[in-house]
PDB file of N, CA and C in Angstrom:
ATOM      1  N   MET A   1     120.039  51.558 -22.527  1.00  0.00           N
ATOM      2  CA  MET A   1     119.021  51.029 -21.666  1.00  0.00           C
ATOM      3  C   MET A   1     119.644  50.681 -20.322  1.00  0.00           C
ATOM      4  N   LEU A   2     118.890  50.952 -19.262  1.00  0.00           N
ATOM      5  CA  LEU A   2     119.316  50.613 -17.913  1.00  0.00           C
ATOM      6  C   LEU A   2     118.267  49.739 -17.251  1.00  0.00           C
ATOM      7  N   LYS A   3     118.724  48.809 -16.433  1.00  0.00           N
ATOM      8  CA  LYS A   3     117.833  48.015 -15.596  1.00  0.00           C
ATOM      9  C   LYS A   3     118.138  48.403 -14.161  1.00  0.00           C
ATOM     10  N   ILE A   4     117.114  48.825 -13.447  1.00  0.00           N
ATOM     11  CA  ILE A   4     117.298  49.353 -12.099  1.00  0.00           C
ATOM     12  C   ILE A   4     116.485  48.519 -11.119  1.00  0.00           C
ATOM     13  N   ARG A   5     117.112  48.153 -10.010  1.00  0.00           N
ATOM     14  CA  ARG A   5     116.388  47.439  -8.944  1.00  0.00           C
ATOM     15  C   ARG A   5     116.034  48.454  -7.867  1.00  0.00           C
ATOM     16  N   LEU A   6     114.756  48.544  -7.559  1.00  0.00           N
ATOM     17  CA  LEU A   6     114.277  49.413  -6.494  1.00  0.00           C
ATOM     18  C   LEU A   6     113.987  48.557  -5.276  1.00  0.00           C
ATOM     19  N   MET A   7     114.422  49.000  -4.117  1.00  0.00           N
ATOM     20  CA  MET A   7     114.152  48.263  -2.877  1.00  0.00           C
ATOM     21  C   MET A   7     113.637  49.235  -1.833  1.00  0.00           C
ATOM     22  N   GLY A   8     112.576  48.826  -1.129  1.00  0.00           N
ATOM     23  CA  GLY A   8     112.004  49.657  -0.082  1.00  0.00           C
ATOM     24  C   GLY A   8     110.608  49.186   0.248  1.00  0.00           C
ATOM     25  N   THR A   9     109.851  50.052   0.900  1.00  0.00           N
ATOM     26  CA  THR A   9     108.465  49.712   1.187  1.00  0.00           C
ATOM     27  C   THR A   9     107.651  49.826  -0.105  1.00  0.00           C
ATOM     28  N   LYS A  10     106.449  49.284  -0.095  1.00  0.00           N
ATOM     29  CA  LYS A  10     105.588  49.376  -1.282  1.00  0.00           C
ATOM     30  C   LYS A  10     105.365  50.829  -1.674  1.00  0.00           C
ATOM     31  N   ASN A  11     105.100  51.672  -0.686  1.00  0.00           N
ATOM     32  CA  ASN A  11     104.845  53.087  -0.967  1.00  0.00           C
ATOM     33  C   ASN A  11     106.079  53.785  -1.529  1.00  0.00           C
ATOM     34  N   ASP A  12     107.248  53.476  -0.993  1.00  0.00           N
ATOM     35  CA  ASP A  12     108.482  54.087  -1.492  1.00  0.00           C
ATOM     36  C   ASP A  12     108.737  53.710  -2.950  1.00  0.00           C
ATOM     37  N   ILE A  13     108.513  52.469  -3.297  1.00  0.00           N
ATOM     38  CA  ILE A  13     108.751  52.006  -4.666  1.00  0.00           C
ATOM     39  C   ILE A  13     107.778  52.674  -5.630  1.00  0.00           C
ATOM     40  N   LYS A  14     106.492  52.715  -5.280  1.00  0.00           N
ATOM     41  CA  LYS A  14     105.493  53.369  -6.144  1.00  0.00           C
ATOM     42  C   LYS A  14     105.795  54.855  -6.300  1.00  0.00           C
ATOM     43  N   TRP A  15     106.221  55.499  -5.217  1.00  0.00           N
ATOM     44  CA  TRP A  15     106.572  56.912  -5.243  1.00  0.00           C
ATOM     45  C   TRP A  15     107.713  57.163  -6.237  1.00  0.00           C
ATOM     46  N   PHE A  16     108.752  56.330  -6.176  1.00  0.00           N
ATOM     47  CA  PHE A  16     109.888  56.541  -7.062  1.00  0.00           C
ATOM     48  C   PHE A  16     109.561  56.195  -8.509  1.00  0.00           C
ATOM     49  N   GLU A  17     108.698  55.209  -8.730  1.00  0.00           N
ATOM     50  CA  GLU A  17     108.259  54.896 -10.092  1.00  0.00           C
ATOM     51  C   GLU A  17     107.574  56.109 -10.722  1.00  0.00           C
ATOM     52  N   ARG A  18     106.726  56.792  -9.942  1.00  0.00           N
ATOM     53  CA  ARG A  18     106.045  57.986 -10.459  1.00  0.00           C
ATOM     54  C   ARG A  18     107.040  59.087 -10.788  1.00  0.00           C
ATOM     55  N   ILE A  19     108.074  59.242  -9.957  1.00  0.00           N
ATOM     56  CA  ILE A  19     109.102  60.246 -10.237  1.00  0.00           C
ATOM     57  C   ILE A  19     109.814  59.926 -11.551  1.00  0.00           C
ATOM     58  N   LEU A  20     110.187  58.668 -11.751  1.00  0.00           N
ATOM     59  CA  LEU A  20     110.857  58.274 -12.993  1.00  0.00           C
ATOM     60  C   LEU A  20     109.984  58.529 -14.214  1.00  0.00           C
ATOM     61  N   GLN A  21     108.703  58.217 -14.107  1.00  0.00           N
ATOM     62  CA  GLN A  21     107.801  58.359 -15.247  1.00  0.00           C
ATOM     63  C   GLN A  21     107.547  59.815 -15.609  1.00  0.00           C
ATOM     64  N   ARG A  22     107.752  60.737 -14.686  1.00  0.00           N
ATOM     65  CA  ARG A  22     107.546  62.166 -14.964  1.00  0.00           C
ATOM     66  C   ARG A  22     108.771  62.841 -15.570  1.00  0.00           C
ATOM     67  N   GLN A  23     109.898  62.160 -15.611  1.00  0.00           N
ATOM     68  CA  GLN A  23     111.127  62.758 -16.136  1.00  0.00           C
ATOM     69  C   GLN A  23     111.075  62.829 -17.661  1.00  0.00           C
ATOM     70  N   PRO A  24     111.234  64.011 -18.231  1.00  0.00           N
ATOM     71  CA  PRO A  24     111.115  64.138 -19.690  1.00  0.00           C
ATOM     72  C   PRO A  24     112.244  63.467 -20.476  1.00  0.00           C
ATOM     73  N   LYS A  25     113.396  63.286 -19.863  1.00  0.00           N
ATOM     74  CA  LYS A  25     114.528  62.689 -20.575  1.00  0.00           C
ATOM     75  C   LYS A  25     114.629  61.183 -20.386  1.00  0.00           C
ATOM     76  N   VAL A  26     113.681  60.595 -19.628  1.00  0.00           N
ATOM     77  CA  VAL A  26     113.713  59.166 -19.331  1.00  0.00           C
ATOM     78  C   VAL A  26     112.414  58.525 -19.792  1.00  0.00           C
ATOM     79  N   ALA A  27     112.525  57.430 -20.530  1.00  0.00           N
ATOM     80  CA  ALA A  27     111.356  56.655 -20.939  1.00  0.00           C
ATOM     81  C   ALA A  27     111.369  55.343 -20.159  1.00  0.00           C
ATOM     82  N   VAL A  28     110.351  55.129 -19.341  1.00  0.00           N
ATOM     83  CA  VAL A  28     110.220  53.887 -18.589  1.00  0.00           C
ATOM     84  C   VAL A  28     109.582  52.870 -19.518  1.00  0.00           C
ATOM     85  N   THR A  29     110.316  51.804 -19.820  1.00  0.00           N
ATOM     86  CA  THR A  29     109.818  50.823 -20.782  1.00  0.00           C
ATOM     87  C   THR A  29     109.192  49.600 -20.127  1.00  0.00           C
ATOM     88  N   GLU A  30     109.566  49.337 -18.870  1.00  0.00           N
ATOM     89  CA  GLU A  30     109.018  48.161 -18.198  1.00  0.00           C
ATOM     90  C   GLU A  30     109.141  48.322 -16.687  1.00  0.00           C
ATOM     91  N   VAL A  31     108.089  47.884 -15.972  1.00  0.00           N
ATOM     92  CA  VAL A  31     108.101  47.863 -14.507  1.00  0.00           C
ATOM     93  C   VAL A  31     107.613  46.484 -14.084  1.00  0.00           C
ATOM     94  N   SER A  32     108.392  45.816 -13.249  1.00  0.00           N
ATOM     95  CA  SER A  32     108.006  44.469 -12.807  1.00  0.00           C
ATOM     96  C   SER A  32     106.977  44.550 -11.679  1.00  0.00           C
ATOM     97  N   GLU A  33     106.481  43.399 -11.302  1.00  0.00           N
ATOM     98  CA  GLU A  33     105.623  43.322 -10.128  1.00  0.00           C
ATOM     99  C   GLU A  33     106.490  43.472  -8.887  1.00  0.00           C
ATOM    100  N   LEU A  34     105.852  43.643  -7.733  1.00  0.00           N
ATOM    101  CA  LEU A  34     106.594  43.733  -6.480  1.00  0.00           C
ATOM    102  C   LEU A  34     106.927  42.340  -5.978  1.00  0.00           C
ATOM    103  N   TYR A  35     108.158  42.170  -5.519  1.00  0.00           N
ATOM    104  CA  TYR A  35     108.604  40.910  -4.932  1.00  0.00           C
ATOM    105  C   TYR A  35     108.947  41.164  -3.474  1.00  0.00           C
ATOM    106  N   GLN A  36     108.506  40.308  -2.589  1.00  0.00           N
ATOM    107  CA  GLN A  36     108.791  40.469  -1.171  1.00  0.00           C
ATOM    108  C   GLN A  36     110.212  39.997  -0.880  1.00  0.00           C
ATOM    109  N   ASN A  37     110.961  40.804  -0.127  1.00  0.00           N
ATOM    110  CA  ASN A  37     112.304  40.398   0.276  1.00  0.00           C
ATOM    111  C   ASN A  37     112.215  39.311   1.332  1.00  0.00           C
ATOM    112  N   LYS A  38     113.121  38.371   1.264  1.00  0.00           N
ATOM    113  CA  LYS A  38     113.131  37.274   2.243  1.00  0.00           C
ATOM    114  C   LYS A  38     113.461  37.805   3.627  1.00  0.00           C
ATOM    115  N   GLY A  39     112.780  37.261   4.629  1.00  0.00           N
ATOM    116  CA  GLY A  39     113.076  37.602   6.001  1.00  0.00           C
ATOM    117  C   GLY A  39     112.385  38.850   6.521  1.00  0.00           C
ATOM    118  N   THR A  40     111.543  39.498   5.707  1.00  0.00           N
ATOM    119  CA  THR A  40     110.852  40.708   6.156  1.00  0.00           C
ATOM    120  C   THR A  40     109.489  40.808   5.488  1.00  0.00           C
ATOM    121  N   ASN A  41     108.550  41.356   6.198  1.00  0.00           N
ATOM    122  CA  ASN A  41     107.226  41.607   5.631  1.00  0.00           C
ATOM    123  C   ASN A  41     107.079  43.047   5.177  1.00  0.00           C
ATOM    124  N   ARG A  42     108.077  43.863   5.453  1.00  0.00           N
ATOM    125  CA  ARG A  42     107.978  45.297   5.186  1.00  0.00           C
ATOM    126  C   ARG A  42     108.618  45.721   3.866  1.00  0.00           C
ATOM    127  N   TYR A  43     109.711  45.096   3.491  1.00  0.00           N
ATOM    128  CA  TYR A  43     110.479  45.562   2.335  1.00  0.00           C
ATOM    129  C   TYR A  43     110.267  44.687   1.111  1.00  0.00           C
ATOM    130  N   TYR A  44     110.197  45.364  -0.030  1.00  0.00           N
ATOM    131  CA  TYR A  44     109.938  44.716  -1.314  1.00  0.00           C
ATOM    132  C   TYR A  44     110.980  45.192  -2.311  1.00  0.00           C
ATOM    133  N   ARG A  45     110.959  44.581  -3.483  1.00  0.00           N
ATOM    134  CA  ARG A  45     111.823  45.033  -4.569  1.00  0.00           C
ATOM    135  C   ARG A  45     111.029  44.975  -5.869  1.00  0.00           C
ATOM    136  N   ALA A  46     111.427  45.816  -6.802  1.00  0.00           N
ATOM    137  CA  ALA A  46     110.827  45.848  -8.129  1.00  0.00           C
ATOM    138  C   ALA A  46     111.940  46.209  -9.102  1.00  0.00           C
ATOM    139  N   TYR A  47     111.755  45.839 -10.335  1.00  0.00           N
ATOM    140  CA  TYR A  47     112.753  46.092 -11.367  1.00  0.00           C
ATOM    141  C   TYR A  47     112.155  47.008 -12.420  1.00  0.00           C
ATOM    142  N   VAL A  48     112.922  48.025 -12.814  1.00  0.00           N
ATOM    143  CA  VAL A  48     112.460  49.020 -13.776  1.00  0.00           C
ATOM    144  C   VAL A  48     113.467  49.076 -14.915  1.00  0.00           C
ATOM    145  N   GLN A  49     112.950  49.109 -16.121  1.00  0.00           N
ATOM    146  CA  GLN A  49     113.800  49.236 -17.305  1.00  0.00           C
ATOM    147  C   GLN A  49     113.550  50.622 -17.894  1.00  0.00           C
ATOM    148  N   VAL A  50     114.617  51.386 -18.100  1.00  0.00           N
ATOM    149  CA  VAL A  50     114.497  52.741 -18.630  1.00  0.00           C
ATOM    150  C   VAL A  50     115.484  52.945 -19.779  1.00  0.00           C
ATOM    151  N   GLN A  51     115.164  53.938 -20.593  1.00  0.00           N
ATOM    152  CA  GLN A  51     116.090  54.338 -21.653  1.00  0.00           C
ATOM    153  C   GLN A  51     115.954  55.832 -21.878  1.00  0.00           C
ATOM    154  N   LYS A  52     116.861  56.392 -22.638  1.00  0.00           N
ATOM    155  CA  LYS A  52     116.799  57.810 -22.955  1.00  0.00           C
ATOM    156  C   LYS A  52     115.558  58.077 -23.793  1.00  0.00           C
ATOM    157  N   ALA A  53     114.866  59.146 -23.449  1.00  0.00           N
ATOM    158  CA  ALA A  53     113.709  59.551 -24.248  1.00  0.00           C
ATOM    159  C   ALA A  53     114.213  60.391 -25.416  1.00  0.00           C
ATOM    160  N   ASN A  54     113.482  60.377 -26.483  1.00  0.00           N
ATOM    161  CA  ASN A  54     113.842  61.204 -27.642  1.00  0.00           C
ATOM    162  C   ASN A  54     113.381  62.623 -27.391  1.00  0.00           C
ATOM    163  N   VAL A  55     114.303  63.410 -26.829  1.00  0.00           N
ATOM    164  CA  VAL A  55     113.995  64.806 -26.493  1.00  0.00           C
ATOM    165  C   VAL A  55     114.940  65.701 -27.263  1.00  0.00           C
ATOM    166  N   LYS A  56     114.358  66.636 -27.978  1.00  0.00           N
ATOM    167  CA  LYS A  56     115.187  67.618 -28.684  1.00  0.00           C
ATOM    168  C   LYS A  56     115.510  68.750 -27.732  1.00  0.00           C
ATOM    169  N   GLU A  57     116.788  69.054 -27.619  1.00  0.00           N
ATOM    170  CA  GLU A  57     117.202  70.146 -26.746  1.00  0.00           C
ATOM    171  C   GLU A  57     117.099  71.453 -27.494  1.00  0.00           C
ATOM    172  N   LYS A  58     116.700  72.500 -26.782  1.00  0.00           N
ATOM    173  CA  LYS A  58     116.607  73.823 -27.387  1.00  0.00           C
ATOM    174  C   LYS A  58     118.001  74.392 -27.576  1.00  0.00           C
ATOM    175  N   SER A  59     118.256  74.984 -28.719  1.00  0.00           N
ATOM    176  CA  SER A  59     119.561  75.614 -28.938  1.00  0.00           C
ATOM    177  C   SER A  59     119.466  77.077 -28.539  1.00  0.00           C
ATOM    178  N   ASN A  60     120.488  77.561 -27.833  1.00  0.00           N
ATOM    179  CA  ASN A  60     120.480  78.931 -27.316  1.00  0.00           C
ATOM    180  C   ASN A  60     121.148  79.870 -28.263  1.00  0.00           C
TER     181      ASN A  60
END
């Protein structure tokens, strides 16, 4: 399991969350709410918890 901190604009964070959720080898288990970074109105952070998805690899 990995815990990842995402930092950026609201749109950037949502964009990357969608990319993570579409990955077949990654299971997103938790996404936090957005937190505003101190000293700025533009940048936020969110925390994502991921783990390996149960994917069977094709044998060649």
